[in-house]
């Protein structure tokens, strides 16, 4: 399936316009840094946490409010820690697309199922993040194209 979008500055750059993103990063809060800046550049509204349990609590409290969960896995124990975080989120994780970023990822994965996390290899390139972000929000792109 191919998607065609008009090439306008705003619509081409802001694929995630208005989507709330929970970013789990060791920097958390105001200092989430470059990754948060990149996601915000795609139009995402970033809420960053440094603590896994604080992020999970926020997502469970507002399960339908988040469109994407992004985790830098390596500072928390690697890819397995990311998988545990997704399980910990429970119901919120079932409705929210997930991107896990780790050095342990040998081959990047962009699964068709919305229940499986997108896996991106660290160090993260701008291109792989863009592809992962668009893949996670592909339903929004189809809706905008209609």
Protein backbone atom coordinates (compact mmCIF):
# COMPACT_ATOMS: atom_id res chain seq x y z
CA UNK A 1 0.00 0.00 0.00
CA UNK A 2 1.31 3.46 -0.85
CA UNK A 3 0.34 6.67 0.84
CA UNK A 4 0.46 9.94 -0.99
CA UNK A 5 0.51 13.18 0.92
CA UNK A 6 0.61 16.72 -0.38
CA UNK A 7 4.07 18.20 -0.10
CA UNK A 8 3.36 21.22 2.02
CA UNK A 9 5.84 22.40 4.59
CA UNK A 10 3.56 21.85 7.58
CA UNK A 11 1.90 18.56 6.62
CA UNK A 12 5.13 16.96 5.40
CA UNK A 13 7.13 17.86 8.50
CA UNK A 14 4.51 17.45 11.22
CA UNK A 15 3.33 13.85 10.82
CA UNK A 16 2.49 13.64 14.49
CA UNK A 17 0.77 16.96 14.90
CA UNK A 18 -0.78 17.07 18.35
CA UNK A 19 -0.10 13.45 19.36
CA UNK A 20 0.87 13.10 23.03
CA UNK A 21 4.12 11.20 23.45
CA UNK A 22 5.39 9.74 26.72
CA UNK A 23 9.18 9.69 26.51
CA UNK A 24 11.02 7.56 29.05
CA UNK A 25 14.57 8.86 29.09
CA UNK A 26 17.19 9.04 31.85
CA UNK A 27 17.22 12.82 31.46
CA UNK A 28 13.44 13.05 31.91
CA UNK A 29 11.49 16.23 32.54
CA UNK A 30 12.85 19.39 30.99
CA UNK A 31 16.21 17.88 30.03
CA UNK A 32 15.03 15.10 27.72
CA UNK A 33 17.30 16.53 25.07
CA UNK A 34 17.87 15.71 21.45
CA UNK A 35 15.38 12.85 21.16
CA UNK A 36 12.61 15.01 22.61
CA UNK A 37 13.55 17.83 20.25
CA UNK A 38 13.35 15.50 17.24
CA UNK A 39 9.94 14.13 18.25
CA UNK A 40 8.66 17.64 18.91
CA UNK A 41 9.91 18.55 15.44
CA UNK A 42 7.49 15.96 14.03
CA UNK A 43 4.63 17.67 15.87
CA UNK A 44 4.53 15.45 18.96
CA UNK A 45 3.62 16.88 22.36
CA UNK A 46 6.32 15.51 24.66
CA UNK A 47 5.84 14.48 28.25
CA UNK A 48 9.12 13.11 29.53
CA UNK A 49 9.82 11.05 32.61
CA UNK A 50 13.04 9.61 33.98
CA UNK A 51 11.30 7.06 36.21
CA UNK A 52 9.59 4.03 34.68
CA UNK A 53 6.91 3.85 37.35
CA UNK A 54 6.05 7.55 37.03
CA UNK A 55 5.68 7.10 33.25
CA UNK A 56 3.54 3.98 33.66
CA UNK A 57 1.34 5.69 36.24
CA UNK A 58 0.78 8.72 34.01
CA UNK A 59 -0.12 6.53 31.05
CA UNK A 60 -2.50 4.34 33.05
CA UNK A 61 -4.19 7.40 34.56
CA UNK A 62 -4.91 8.74 31.06
CA UNK A 63 -4.91 5.58 28.94
CA UNK A 64 -6.56 7.12 25.88
CA UNK A 65 -4.63 10.39 26.00
CA UNK A 66 -1.29 9.12 24.70
CA UNK A 67 -0.65 8.16 21.12
CA UNK A 68 2.93 6.97 21.50
CA UNK A 69 5.35 5.66 24.14
CA UNK A 70 9.06 6.00 23.35
CA UNK A 71 11.75 4.48 25.57
CA UNK A 72 15.52 4.70 25.51
CA UNK A 73 16.08 1.18 26.84
CA UNK A 74 19.85 0.97 27.43
CA UNK A 75 20.02 3.17 30.57
CA UNK A 76 17.30 1.01 32.14
CA UNK A 77 18.84 -2.40 31.45
CA UNK A 78 18.51 -2.91 27.71
CA UNK A 79 15.83 -4.27 25.41
CA UNK A 80 14.47 -6.68 28.02
CA UNK A 81 13.82 -3.72 30.32
CA UNK A 82 11.86 -2.11 27.49
CA UNK A 83 9.76 -5.24 27.05
CA UNK A 84 9.09 -5.30 30.82
CA UNK A 85 8.06 -1.62 30.71
CA UNK A 86 5.52 -2.36 27.99
CA UNK A 87 4.08 -5.21 30.06
CA UNK A 88 4.00 -2.99 33.14
CA UNK A 89 1.90 -0.41 31.37
CA UNK A 90 -0.81 -3.00 30.91
CA UNK A 91 -3.96 -1.66 29.32
CA UNK A 92 -2.42 1.67 28.38
CA UNK A 93 0.31 -0.16 26.47
CA UNK A 94 -2.28 -2.14 24.54
CA UNK A 95 -3.78 1.02 23.09
CA UNK A 96 -0.61 3.03 22.68
CA UNK A 97 1.98 2.48 19.98
CA UNK A 98 5.47 1.80 21.35
CA UNK A 99 8.97 2.57 20.08
CA UNK A 100 11.88 0.94 21.91
CA UNK A 101 15.41 2.18 21.22
CA UNK A 102 18.43 0.04 22.14
CA UNK A 103 21.95 -0.89 21.08
CA UNK A 104 20.84 -4.53 21.42
CA UNK A 105 18.59 -4.23 18.37
CA UNK A 106 20.37 -6.04 15.55
CA UNK A 107 17.78 -5.39 12.90
CA UNK A 108 15.22 -2.63 13.14
CA UNK A 109 11.63 -3.90 13.16
CA UNK A 110 8.46 -2.19 12.04
CA UNK A 111 5.73 -4.73 12.85
CA UNK A 112 2.30 -4.60 11.27
CA UNK A 113 0.54 -5.43 14.53
CA UNK A 114 -0.19 -2.38 16.67
CA UNK A 115 0.42 -4.53 19.75
CA UNK A 116 4.09 -5.19 18.94
CA UNK A 117 6.71 -2.51 19.66
CA UNK A 118 8.73 -0.86 16.92
CA UNK A 119 12.42 -1.59 17.57
CA UNK A 120 15.04 0.97 16.59
CA UNK A 121 18.80 0.57 16.87
CA UNK A 122 20.81 3.03 18.95
CA UNK A 123 22.53 5.33 18.28
CA UNK A 124 19.41 6.64 16.66
CA UNK A 125 19.56 8.40 13.31
CA UNK A 126 17.08 11.10 12.35
CA UNK A 127 15.93 8.94 9.42
CA UNK A 128 15.21 5.82 11.47
CA UNK A 129 13.32 7.86 14.05
CA UNK A 130 11.27 9.50 11.31
CA UNK A 131 10.44 6.11 9.74
CA UNK A 132 9.56 4.63 13.14
CA UNK A 133 7.44 7.64 14.05
CA UNK A 134 5.54 7.55 10.75
CA UNK A 135 5.06 3.78 11.04
CA UNK A 136 3.71 4.11 14.58
CA UNK A 137 1.28 6.81 13.50
CA UNK A 138 0.38 5.40 10.10
CA UNK A 139 -3.32 5.28 10.94
CA UNK A 140 -3.21 9.04 11.47
CA UNK A 141 -1.55 9.48 8.06
CA UNK A 142 -4.28 7.46 6.36
CA UNK A 143 -6.93 9.52 8.15
CA UNK A 144 -5.28 12.79 7.06
CA UNK A 145 -4.99 11.57 3.47
CA UNK A 146 -8.71 10.77 3.24
